[in-house]
Amino acid sequence: MVVMRQKNKNRFKYILIFAVLLAVFVLMLDNTPRLMFPIKYREYVGAYSGKYNVDPFLVLAIIKVESKFDPDAVSPKNARGLMQISQKTGEWGAKVLKLKGYDFDSLFDPETNITIGCWYLKVLTEEFNGNTDLILAAYNGGSGNVKEWLNNRDYSSTGKSLDRVPFRETEKYIEKVGNYRSIYKMLYENIF
């Protein structure tokens, strides 16, 4: 009888441990998308995307693709910070926005980087009439290139959108950021 009780206690312990592990596993699965697509610097993304009237989910997707939320990221072309702002764009943005004490290293500061990045997205939004693919192509491949492509029948039949993107990296970038934007919107639709 004592042996039977001990076996039942052990069985209960194993069932309880299994149930707890199963619950932890299910919770991890439920949160996996949010772990893979985190929201960091929410206060800055919310504030500056609102100020410059750009989609906060687009900003998050760009940050995820550009730096994986590493404020100290530096690209092979020396673009810096969360949104990978180039020296030229950083200086232009800082001048227009009248950011005091700005220098190139300021782009490692998350607030400064997101401020300039959101402002620049607004500039591109106005330049390309809100066409997200063109905005992303310009963000990655340069607005001068996008203007040339729009004027080239090999890349644009209408002059208003791109039929083909000649830079493979930019083509992949547009697709990846677009996909990430959709995921962020689905996961956090009521957060901003």
N, C-alpha and C. Protein backbone atom coordinates (compact mmCIF):
# COMPACT_ATOMS: atom_id res chain seq x y z
N MET A 1 0.82 -1.19 0.00
CA MET A 1 0.00 0.00 0.00
C MET A 1 0.87 1.26 0.00
N VAL A 2 1.94 1.29 0.82
CA VAL A 2 2.85 2.42 0.89
C VAL A 2 3.57 2.58 -0.45
N VAL A 3 3.94 1.47 -1.05
CA VAL A 3 4.61 1.51 -2.34
C VAL A 3 3.67 2.08 -3.40
N MET A 4 2.39 1.70 -3.33
CA MET A 4 1.39 2.20 -4.28
C MET A 4 1.21 3.71 -4.15
N ARG A 5 1.16 4.20 -2.89
CA ARG A 5 1.02 5.65 -2.68
C ARG A 5 2.24 6.38 -3.23
N GLN A 6 3.41 5.84 -2.99
CA GLN A 6 4.64 6.46 -3.48
C GLN A 6 4.62 6.52 -5.01
N LYS A 7 4.19 5.44 -5.67
CA LYS A 7 4.10 5.43 -7.14
C LYS A 7 3.11 6.46 -7.62
N ASN A 8 1.98 6.58 -6.93
CA ASN A 8 0.96 7.58 -7.30
C ASN A 8 1.50 9.00 -7.12
N LYS A 9 2.26 9.23 -6.02
CA LYS A 9 2.85 10.55 -5.80
C LYS A 9 3.86 10.88 -6.90
N ASN A 10 4.69 9.89 -7.23
CA ASN A 10 5.67 10.11 -8.29
C ASN A 10 4.98 10.36 -9.63
N ARG A 11 3.95 9.58 -9.91
CA ARG A 11 3.20 9.75 -11.16
C ARG A 11 2.58 11.16 -11.20
N PHE A 12 2.01 11.58 -10.07
CA PHE A 12 1.43 12.93 -10.00
C PHE A 12 2.49 14.00 -10.24
N LYS A 13 3.68 13.83 -9.65
CA LYS A 13 4.78 14.78 -9.85
C LYS A 13 5.16 14.85 -11.33
N TYR A 14 5.28 13.70 -11.96
CA TYR A 14 5.65 13.67 -13.38
C TYR A 14 4.58 14.31 -14.25
N ILE A 15 3.34 14.04 -13.93
CA ILE A 15 2.23 14.65 -14.68
C ILE A 15 2.24 16.17 -14.48
N LEU A 16 2.46 16.60 -13.25
CA LEU A 16 2.50 18.03 -12.95
C LEU A 16 3.67 18.70 -13.67
N ILE A 17 4.85 18.09 -13.64
CA ILE A 17 6.02 18.64 -14.34
C ILE A 17 5.74 18.71 -15.84
N PHE A 18 5.17 17.65 -16.38
CA PHE A 18 4.84 17.63 -17.81
C PHE A 18 3.84 18.73 -18.15
N ALA A 19 2.83 18.91 -17.32
CA ALA A 19 1.81 19.93 -17.56
C ALA A 19 2.43 21.33 -17.53
N VAL A 20 3.32 21.56 -16.57
CA VAL A 20 3.98 22.87 -16.47
C VAL A 20 4.85 23.11 -17.70
N LEU A 21 5.64 22.09 -18.08
CA LEU A 21 6.49 22.23 -19.26
C LEU A 21 5.65 22.46 -20.52
N LEU A 22 4.56 21.75 -20.64
CA LEU A 22 3.67 21.93 -21.78
C LEU A 22 3.10 23.35 -21.81
N ALA A 23 2.69 23.85 -20.65
CA ALA A 23 2.15 25.22 -20.58
C ALA A 23 3.22 26.24 -20.97
N VAL A 24 4.44 26.07 -20.48
CA VAL A 24 5.54 26.97 -20.83
C VAL A 24 5.79 26.92 -22.34
N PHE A 25 5.80 25.73 -22.90
CA PHE A 25 6.01 25.57 -24.33
C PHE A 25 4.92 26.28 -25.14
N VAL A 26 3.68 26.11 -24.75
CA VAL A 26 2.56 26.76 -25.46
C VAL A 26 2.68 28.27 -25.35
N LEU A 27 3.03 28.77 -24.17
CA LEU A 27 3.20 30.22 -24.01
C LEU A 27 4.35 30.74 -24.86
N MET A 28 5.42 29.97 -24.94
CA MET A 28 6.54 30.39 -25.78
C MET A 28 6.14 30.43 -27.24
N LEU A 29 5.39 29.43 -27.67
CA LEU A 29 4.93 29.42 -29.06
C LEU A 29 4.04 30.63 -29.35
N ASP A 30 3.18 30.94 -28.39
CA ASP A 30 2.27 32.07 -28.56
C ASP A 30 3.03 33.38 -28.65
N ASN A 31 4.14 33.50 -27.94
CA ASN A 31 4.90 34.74 -27.92
C ASN A 31 6.07 34.76 -28.91
N THR A 32 6.30 33.67 -29.59
CA THR A 32 7.44 33.60 -30.51
C THR A 32 7.41 34.71 -31.55
N PRO A 33 6.26 34.97 -32.20
CA PRO A 33 6.27 36.07 -33.18
C PRO A 33 6.68 37.41 -32.56
N ARG A 34 6.21 37.68 -31.36
CA ARG A 34 6.57 38.95 -30.71
C ARG A 34 8.03 38.97 -30.29
N LEU A 35 8.59 37.80 -29.98
CA LEU A 35 10.01 37.74 -29.67
C LEU A 35 10.85 37.97 -30.92
N MET A 36 10.36 37.47 -32.05
CA MET A 36 11.09 37.64 -33.30
C MET A 36 10.91 39.04 -33.88
N PHE A 37 9.80 39.69 -33.55
CA PHE A 37 9.50 41.03 -34.04
C PHE A 37 9.21 41.95 -32.86
N PRO A 38 10.26 42.31 -32.14
CA PRO A 38 10.07 43.13 -30.94
C PRO A 38 9.76 44.58 -31.28
N ILE A 39 9.25 45.27 -30.28
CA ILE A 39 9.12 46.72 -30.37
C ILE A 39 10.06 47.31 -29.34
N LYS A 40 11.07 47.97 -29.83
CA LYS A 40 11.98 48.70 -28.95
C LYS A 40 11.92 50.16 -29.38
N TYR A 41 12.22 51.04 -28.45
CA TYR A 41 12.20 52.49 -28.72
C TYR A 41 10.81 52.95 -29.14
N ARG A 42 9.80 52.30 -28.57
CA ARG A 42 8.40 52.59 -28.91
C ARG A 42 8.05 54.07 -28.73
N GLU A 43 8.56 54.67 -27.65
CA GLU A 43 8.21 56.06 -27.38
C GLU A 43 8.72 56.98 -28.49
N TYR A 44 9.91 56.70 -29.01
CA TYR A 44 10.47 57.53 -30.08
C TYR A 44 9.77 57.24 -31.41
N VAL A 45 9.56 55.96 -31.69
CA VAL A 45 8.87 55.60 -32.94
C VAL A 45 7.48 56.22 -32.95
N GLY A 46 6.76 56.11 -31.85
CA GLY A 46 5.41 56.68 -31.77
C GLY A 46 5.41 58.19 -31.91
N ALA A 47 6.32 58.83 -31.18
CA ALA A 47 6.36 60.30 -31.20
C ALA A 47 6.74 60.86 -32.56
N TYR A 48 7.81 60.34 -33.16
CA TYR A 48 8.32 60.95 -34.39
C TYR A 48 7.60 60.46 -35.65
N SER A 49 7.07 59.25 -35.61
CA SER A 49 6.24 58.83 -36.76
C SER A 49 4.96 59.67 -36.76
N GLY A 50 4.46 59.98 -35.57
CA GLY A 50 3.28 60.85 -35.47
C GLY A 50 3.59 62.27 -35.90
N LYS A 51 4.71 62.78 -35.45
CA LYS A 51 5.10 64.16 -35.78
C LYS A 51 5.27 64.34 -37.30
N TYR A 52 5.86 63.34 -37.96
CA TYR A 52 6.13 63.45 -39.39
C TYR A 52 5.13 62.69 -40.26
N ASN A 53 4.07 62.20 -39.61
CA ASN A 53 2.97 61.55 -40.32
C ASN A 53 3.43 60.40 -41.21
N VAL A 54 4.23 59.51 -40.63
CA VAL A 54 4.65 58.29 -41.32
C VAL A 54 4.17 57.08 -40.52
N ASP A 55 3.99 55.98 -41.20
CA ASP A 55 3.48 54.76 -40.59
C ASP A 55 4.49 54.22 -39.57
N PRO A 56 4.11 54.11 -38.28
CA PRO A 56 5.05 53.60 -37.28
C PRO A 56 5.46 52.15 -37.55
N PHE A 57 4.58 51.38 -38.18
CA PHE A 57 4.92 49.98 -38.49
C PHE A 57 5.97 49.91 -39.60
N LEU A 58 5.93 50.88 -40.49
CA LEU A 58 6.97 50.97 -41.52
C LEU A 58 8.31 51.32 -40.86
N VAL A 59 8.28 52.23 -39.91
CA VAL A 59 9.50 52.62 -39.19
C VAL A 59 10.08 51.41 -38.45
N LEU A 60 9.23 50.66 -37.74
CA LEU A 60 9.71 49.47 -37.03
C LEU A 60 10.29 48.45 -38.00
N ALA A 61 9.64 48.26 -39.14
CA ALA A 61 10.13 47.29 -40.12
C ALA A 61 11.49 47.73 -40.67
N ILE A 62 11.64 49.01 -40.93
CA ILE A 62 12.93 49.52 -41.42
C ILE A 62 14.02 49.31 -40.37
N ILE A 63 13.70 49.62 -39.11
CA ILE A 63 14.69 49.43 -38.05
C ILE A 63 15.07 47.95 -37.94
N LYS A 64 14.09 47.08 -37.99
CA LYS A 64 14.38 45.63 -37.90
C LYS A 64 15.30 45.18 -39.04
N VAL A 65 14.99 45.61 -40.26
CA VAL A 65 15.80 45.21 -41.41
C VAL A 65 17.17 45.88 -41.38
N GLU A 66 17.21 47.16 -41.08
CA GLU A 66 18.45 47.92 -41.16
C GLU A 66 19.45 47.57 -40.06
N SER A 67 18.97 47.43 -38.82
CA SER A 67 19.91 47.28 -37.70
C SER A 67 19.55 46.20 -36.70
N LYS A 68 18.39 45.58 -36.87
CA LYS A 68 17.91 44.60 -35.89
C LYS A 68 17.85 45.23 -34.48
N PHE A 69 17.52 46.52 -34.45
CA PHE A 69 17.35 47.29 -33.21
C PHE A 69 18.66 47.52 -32.46
N ASP A 70 19.79 47.46 -33.17
CA ASP A 70 21.09 47.75 -32.56
C ASP A 70 21.43 49.22 -32.81
N PRO A 71 21.37 50.06 -31.77
CA PRO A 71 21.63 51.48 -31.97
C PRO A 71 23.07 51.79 -32.40
N ASP A 72 23.98 50.84 -32.21
CA ASP A 72 25.38 51.04 -32.55
C ASP A 72 25.76 50.43 -33.90
N ALA A 73 24.77 50.01 -34.66
CA ALA A 73 25.04 49.37 -35.96
C ALA A 73 25.70 50.36 -36.92
N VAL A 74 26.65 49.83 -37.70
CA VAL A 74 27.32 50.60 -38.74
C VAL A 74 27.36 49.73 -39.99
N SER A 75 26.92 50.29 -41.11
CA SER A 75 26.90 49.54 -42.36
C SER A 75 28.27 49.59 -43.04
N PRO A 76 28.48 48.74 -44.04
CA PRO A 76 29.74 48.83 -44.81
C PRO A 76 29.94 50.20 -45.46
N LYS A 77 28.84 50.93 -45.69
CA LYS A 77 28.95 52.28 -46.28
C LYS A 77 28.96 53.36 -45.20
N ASN A 78 29.12 52.95 -43.94
CA ASN A 78 29.23 53.84 -42.80
C ASN A 78 27.93 54.54 -42.42
N ALA A 79 26.78 53.99 -42.85
CA ALA A 79 25.51 54.49 -42.33
C ALA A 79 25.41 54.03 -40.88
N ARG A 80 24.73 54.82 -40.06
CA ARG A 80 24.80 54.58 -38.63
C ARG A 80 23.44 54.46 -37.95
N GLY A 81 23.46 53.70 -36.86
CA GLY A 81 22.34 53.65 -35.95
C GLY A 81 21.17 52.79 -36.39
N LEU A 82 20.08 52.95 -35.67
CA LEU A 82 18.90 52.11 -35.84
C LEU A 82 18.36 52.10 -37.25
N MET A 83 18.25 53.28 -37.87
CA MET A 83 17.66 53.38 -39.20
C MET A 83 18.72 53.52 -40.29
N GLN A 84 19.98 53.33 -39.89
CA GLN A 84 21.11 53.36 -40.83
C GLN A 84 21.10 54.62 -41.68
N ILE A 85 21.28 55.74 -41.01
CA ILE A 85 21.30 57.05 -41.65
C ILE A 85 22.71 57.35 -42.14
N SER A 86 22.83 57.79 -43.38
CA SER A 86 24.14 58.14 -43.93
C SER A 86 24.59 59.49 -43.38
N GLN A 87 25.87 59.76 -43.54
CA GLN A 87 26.42 61.03 -43.05
C GLN A 87 25.72 62.21 -43.74
N LYS A 88 25.56 62.11 -45.05
CA LYS A 88 24.94 63.20 -45.82
C LYS A 88 23.50 63.44 -45.37
N THR A 89 22.72 62.37 -45.25
CA THR A 89 21.32 62.52 -44.83
C THR A 89 21.24 63.01 -43.39
N GLY A 90 22.13 62.52 -42.54
CA GLY A 90 22.15 62.97 -41.15
C GLY A 90 22.42 64.46 -41.04
N GLU A 91 23.42 64.94 -41.78
CA GLU A 91 23.75 66.37 -41.74
C GLU A 91 22.61 67.22 -42.30
N TRP A 92 22.03 66.76 -43.40
CA TRP A 92 20.90 67.46 -44.01
C TRP A 92 19.73 67.53 -43.02
N GLY A 93 19.37 66.38 -42.45
CA GLY A 93 18.26 66.33 -41.50
C GLY A 93 18.52 67.19 -40.28
N ALA A 94 19.72 67.12 -39.74
CA ALA A 94 20.05 67.91 -38.54
C ALA A 94 19.95 69.40 -38.83
N LYS A 95 20.37 69.80 -40.04
CA LYS A 95 20.30 71.22 -40.42
C LYS A 95 18.85 71.67 -40.56
N VAL A 96 18.05 70.91 -41.30
CA VAL A 96 16.64 71.26 -41.50
C VAL A 96 15.88 71.26 -40.18
N LEU A 97 16.17 70.27 -39.34
CA LEU A 97 15.45 70.13 -38.07
C LEU A 97 16.05 70.99 -36.96
N LYS A 98 17.18 71.66 -37.26
CA LYS A 98 17.86 72.53 -36.30
C LYS A 98 18.20 71.78 -35.02
N LEU A 99 18.83 70.61 -35.19
CA LEU A 99 19.25 69.81 -34.03
C LEU A 99 20.56 70.38 -33.49
N LYS A 100 20.52 70.87 -32.28
CA LYS A 100 21.69 71.50 -31.67
C LYS A 100 22.70 70.44 -31.25
N GLY A 101 23.97 70.75 -31.47
CA GLY A 101 25.04 69.87 -31.05
C GLY A 101 25.18 68.60 -31.88
N TYR A 102 24.57 68.58 -33.03
CA TYR A 102 24.62 67.39 -33.87
C TYR A 102 26.02 67.17 -34.44
N ASP A 103 26.48 65.92 -34.39
CA ASP A 103 27.63 65.49 -35.17
C ASP A 103 27.32 64.07 -35.65
N PHE A 104 28.18 63.52 -36.47
CA PHE A 104 27.91 62.22 -37.10
C PHE A 104 27.67 61.12 -36.06
N ASP A 105 28.36 61.19 -34.94
CA ASP A 105 28.16 60.20 -33.88
C ASP A 105 26.78 60.33 -33.21
N SER A 106 26.11 61.45 -33.39
CA SER A 106 24.77 61.63 -32.83
C SER A 106 23.79 60.59 -33.38
N LEU A 107 24.13 60.02 -34.54
CA LEU A 107 23.24 59.02 -35.14
C LEU A 107 23.21 57.72 -34.35
N PHE A 108 24.12 57.54 -33.40
CA PHE A 108 24.07 56.39 -32.52
C PHE A 108 23.06 56.57 -31.39
N ASP A 109 22.60 57.81 -31.21
CA ASP A 109 21.57 58.08 -30.21
C ASP A 109 20.21 57.69 -30.80
N PRO A 110 19.48 56.77 -30.17
CA PRO A 110 18.22 56.30 -30.75
C PRO A 110 17.22 57.41 -31.07
N GLU A 111 17.08 58.38 -30.19
CA GLU A 111 16.10 59.45 -30.45
C GLU A 111 16.50 60.28 -31.66
N THR A 112 17.76 60.66 -31.74
CA THR A 112 18.24 61.45 -32.88
C THR A 112 18.08 60.66 -34.17
N ASN A 113 18.45 59.39 -34.15
CA ASN A 113 18.38 58.56 -35.34
C ASN A 113 16.93 58.40 -35.82
N ILE A 114 16.04 58.11 -34.90
CA ILE A 114 14.64 57.93 -35.27
C ILE A 114 14.02 59.25 -35.71
N THR A 115 14.41 60.35 -35.08
CA THR A 115 13.92 61.67 -35.49
C THR A 115 14.28 61.93 -36.95
N ILE A 116 15.55 61.79 -37.28
CA ILE A 116 16.01 62.06 -38.64
C ILE A 116 15.43 61.02 -39.61
N GLY A 117 15.38 59.76 -39.19
CA GLY A 117 14.82 58.72 -40.05
C GLY A 117 13.36 58.96 -40.40
N CYS A 118 12.56 59.34 -39.41
CA CYS A 118 11.13 59.63 -39.67
C CYS A 118 10.97 60.87 -40.54
N TRP A 119 11.78 61.90 -40.26
CA TRP A 119 11.74 63.10 -41.10
C TRP A 119 12.08 62.74 -42.55
N TYR A 120 13.12 61.93 -42.72
CA TYR A 120 13.54 61.54 -44.07
C TYR A 120 12.45 60.72 -44.77
N LEU A 121 11.78 59.86 -44.05
CA LEU A 121 10.66 59.10 -44.65
C LEU A 121 9.55 60.06 -45.09
N LYS A 122 9.33 61.11 -44.32
CA LYS A 122 8.33 62.12 -44.71
C LYS A 122 8.75 62.81 -46.01
N VAL A 123 10.03 63.16 -46.10
CA VAL A 123 10.55 63.79 -47.31
C VAL A 123 10.33 62.86 -48.52
N LEU A 124 10.66 61.59 -48.35
CA LEU A 124 10.50 60.62 -49.45
C LEU A 124 9.02 60.38 -49.76
N THR A 125 8.19 60.41 -48.74
CA THR A 125 6.74 60.24 -48.94
C THR A 125 6.20 61.37 -49.81
N GLU A 126 6.62 62.58 -49.53
CA GLU A 126 6.18 63.72 -50.34
C GLU A 126 6.76 63.64 -51.75
N GLU A 127 8.02 63.26 -51.86
CA GLU A 127 8.69 63.19 -53.15
C GLU A 127 8.07 62.13 -54.07
N PHE A 128 7.64 61.01 -53.48
CA PHE A 128 7.13 59.90 -54.28
C PHE A 128 5.64 59.65 -54.05
N ASN A 129 4.92 60.71 -53.68
CA ASN A 129 3.45 60.69 -53.57
C ASN A 129 2.91 59.53 -52.75
N GLY A 130 3.59 59.18 -51.69
CA GLY A 130 3.09 58.15 -50.78
C GLY A 130 3.23 56.72 -51.29
N ASN A 131 3.88 56.50 -52.43
CA ASN A 131 4.06 55.15 -52.97
C ASN A 131 5.13 54.43 -52.15
N THR A 132 4.69 53.50 -51.32
CA THR A 132 5.59 52.84 -50.37
C THR A 132 6.75 52.14 -51.06
N ASP A 133 6.50 51.48 -52.18
CA ASP A 133 7.59 50.79 -52.88
C ASP A 133 8.66 51.78 -53.34
N LEU A 134 8.22 52.93 -53.86
CA LEU A 134 9.19 53.95 -54.29
C LEU A 134 9.93 54.55 -53.10
N ILE A 135 9.21 54.76 -52.01
CA ILE A 135 9.82 55.31 -50.80
C ILE A 135 10.92 54.36 -50.31
N LEU A 136 10.61 53.08 -50.26
CA LEU A 136 11.59 52.09 -49.80
C LEU A 136 12.74 51.94 -50.78
N ALA A 137 12.43 51.99 -52.07
CA ALA A 137 13.50 51.92 -53.07
C ALA A 137 14.45 53.10 -52.90
N ALA A 138 13.90 54.28 -52.66
CA ALA A 138 14.72 55.48 -52.46
C ALA A 138 15.49 55.41 -51.15
N TYR A 139 14.85 54.90 -50.11
CA TYR A 139 15.52 54.79 -48.81
C TYR A 139 16.73 53.88 -48.92
N ASN A 140 16.60 52.82 -49.69
CA ASN A 140 17.69 51.84 -49.82
C ASN A 140 18.65 52.17 -50.95
N GLY A 141 18.12 52.56 -52.11
CA GLY A 141 18.95 52.72 -53.30
C GLY A 141 19.22 54.15 -53.71
N GLY A 142 18.62 55.10 -53.00
CA GLY A 142 18.82 56.51 -53.31
C GLY A 142 17.70 57.08 -54.16
N SER A 143 17.22 58.27 -53.80
CA SER A 143 16.10 58.87 -54.53
C SER A 143 16.50 59.26 -55.95
N GLY A 144 17.76 59.64 -56.16
CA GLY A 144 18.23 59.96 -57.51
C GLY A 144 18.13 58.76 -58.43
N ASN A 145 18.50 57.59 -57.93
CA ASN A 145 18.36 56.37 -58.73
C ASN A 145 16.91 56.08 -59.05
N VAL A 146 16.04 56.23 -58.07
CA VAL A 146 14.62 55.94 -58.29
C VAL A 146 14.05 56.88 -59.36
N LYS A 147 14.42 58.15 -59.31
CA LYS A 147 13.96 59.09 -60.35
C LYS A 147 14.44 58.67 -61.73
N GLU A 148 15.69 58.22 -61.82
CA GLU A 148 16.21 57.74 -63.11
C GLU A 148 15.44 56.51 -63.58
N TRP A 149 15.17 55.58 -62.69
CA TRP A 149 14.44 54.37 -63.05
C TRP A 149 13.03 54.69 -63.53
N LEU A 150 12.39 55.67 -62.87
CA LEU A 150 11.03 56.05 -63.28
C LEU A 150 11.02 56.65 -64.69
N ASN A 151 12.12 57.27 -65.08
CA ASN A 151 12.23 57.87 -66.42
C ASN A 151 12.78 56.91 -67.47
N ASN A 152 13.01 55.68 -67.09
CA ASN A 152 13.57 54.69 -67.99
C ASN A 152 12.52 53.62 -68.28
N ARG A 153 12.13 53.49 -69.56
CA ARG A 153 11.10 52.52 -69.96
C ARG A 153 11.46 51.07 -69.63
N ASP A 154 12.75 50.79 -69.46
CA ASP A 154 13.17 49.44 -69.08
C ASP A 154 12.71 49.09 -67.66
N TYR A 155 12.49 50.11 -66.83
CA TYR A 155 12.13 49.89 -65.43
C TYR A 155 10.73 50.37 -65.07
N SER A 156 10.20 51.31 -65.85
CA SER A 156 8.89 51.88 -65.53
C SER A 156 8.13 52.18 -66.82
N SER A 157 6.98 51.55 -66.97
CA SER A 157 6.17 51.80 -68.17
C SER A 157 5.29 53.04 -68.02
N THR A 158 5.06 53.45 -66.77
CA THR A 158 4.17 54.59 -66.52
C THR A 158 4.89 55.85 -66.07
N GLY A 159 6.11 55.70 -65.56
CA GLY A 159 6.81 56.83 -64.98
C GLY A 159 6.34 57.16 -63.58
N LYS A 160 5.40 56.36 -63.06
CA LYS A 160 4.84 56.60 -61.72
C LYS A 160 5.11 55.46 -60.75
N SER A 161 5.43 54.30 -61.27
CA SER A 161 5.75 53.15 -60.43
C SER A 161 6.80 52.32 -61.17
N LEU A 162 7.43 51.43 -60.44
CA LEU A 162 8.48 50.61 -61.03
C LEU A 162 7.94 49.24 -61.41
N ASP A 163 8.21 48.84 -62.65
CA ASP A 163 7.87 47.49 -63.09
C ASP A 163 8.98 46.53 -62.68
N ARG A 164 10.18 47.07 -62.60
CA ARG A 164 11.36 46.28 -62.29
C ARG A 164 12.36 47.17 -61.56
N VAL A 165 13.03 46.57 -60.57
CA VAL A 165 14.06 47.30 -59.82
C VAL A 165 15.42 46.75 -60.25
N PRO A 166 16.29 47.58 -60.81
CA PRO A 166 17.56 47.07 -61.32
C PRO A 166 18.57 46.63 -60.25
N PHE A 167 18.42 47.11 -59.03
CA PHE A 167 19.32 46.70 -57.95
C PHE A 167 18.66 45.54 -57.21
N ARG A 168 19.28 44.36 -57.26
CA ARG A 168 18.72 43.18 -56.60
C ARG A 168 18.56 43.42 -55.10
N GLU A 169 19.55 44.07 -54.48
CA GLU A 169 19.49 44.36 -53.04
C GLU A 169 18.27 45.22 -52.72
N THR A 170 18.01 46.22 -53.54
CA THR A 170 16.88 47.11 -53.31
C THR A 170 15.56 46.37 -53.52
N GLU A 171 15.51 45.53 -54.52
CA GLU A 171 14.30 44.73 -54.76
C GLU A 171 13.99 43.84 -53.55
N LYS A 172 15.00 43.19 -53.01
CA LYS A 172 14.81 42.34 -51.82
C LYS A 172 14.42 43.18 -50.61
N TYR A 173 15.03 44.37 -50.51
CA TYR A 173 14.76 45.27 -49.39
C TYR A 173 13.29 45.68 -49.38
N ILE A 174 12.76 46.06 -50.53
CA ILE A 174 11.35 46.46 -50.62
C ILE A 174 10.45 45.33 -50.15
N GLU A 175 10.74 44.13 -50.61
CA GLU A 175 9.92 42.97 -50.24
C GLU A 175 10.03 42.66 -48.75
N LYS A 176 11.24 42.65 -48.24
CA LYS A 176 11.45 42.30 -46.83
C LYS A 176 10.82 43.32 -45.90
N VAL A 177 11.05 44.60 -46.15
CA VAL A 177 10.46 45.64 -45.29
C VAL A 177 8.93 45.59 -45.39
N GLY A 178 8.42 45.38 -46.58
CA GLY A 178 6.97 45.28 -46.74
C GLY A 178 6.39 44.12 -45.95
N ASN A 179 7.06 42.98 -46.00
CA ASN A 179 6.60 41.82 -45.23
C ASN A 179 6.68 42.08 -43.74
N TYR A 180 7.78 42.66 -43.28
CA TYR A 180 7.94 42.95 -41.86
C TYR A 180 6.91 43.98 -41.40
N ARG A 181 6.62 44.94 -42.23
CA ARG A 181 5.60 45.95 -41.89
C ARG A 181 4.26 45.27 -41.65
N SER A 182 3.89 44.34 -42.52
CA SER A 182 2.62 43.60 -42.36
C SER A 182 2.61 42.80 -41.06
N ILE A 183 3.73 42.19 -40.74
CA ILE A 183 3.82 41.39 -39.51
C ILE A 183 3.69 42.30 -38.29
N TYR A 184 4.41 43.41 -38.28
CA TYR A 184 4.30 44.35 -37.16
C TYR A 184 2.87 44.85 -37.00
N LYS A 185 2.24 45.17 -38.11
CA LYS A 185 0.87 45.68 -38.06
C LYS A 185 -0.08 44.62 -37.48
N MET A 186 0.11 43.37 -37.89
CA MET A 186 -0.72 42.28 -37.40
C MET A 186 -0.50 42.04 -35.90
N LEU A 187 0.75 42.05 -35.47
CA LEU A 187 1.06 41.75 -34.08
C LEU A 187 0.71 42.87 -33.10
N TYR A 188 0.82 44.12 -33.58
CA TYR A 188 0.70 45.26 -32.66
C TYR A 188 -0.30 46.31 -33.15
N GLU A 189 -1.34 45.90 -33.84
CA GLU A 189 -2.21 46.85 -34.53
C GLU A 189 -2.77 47.97 -33.65
N ASN A 190 -2.95 47.75 -32.37
CA ASN A 190 -3.56 48.78 -31.51
C ASN A 190 -2.57 49.48 -30.59
N ILE A 191 -1.29 49.36 -30.90
CA ILE A 191 -0.27 49.88 -29.98
C ILE A 191 0.03 51.37 -30.20
N PHE A 192 -0.21 51.88 -31.38
CA PHE A 192 0.08 53.30 -31.64
C PHE A 192 -1.19 54.09 -31.84
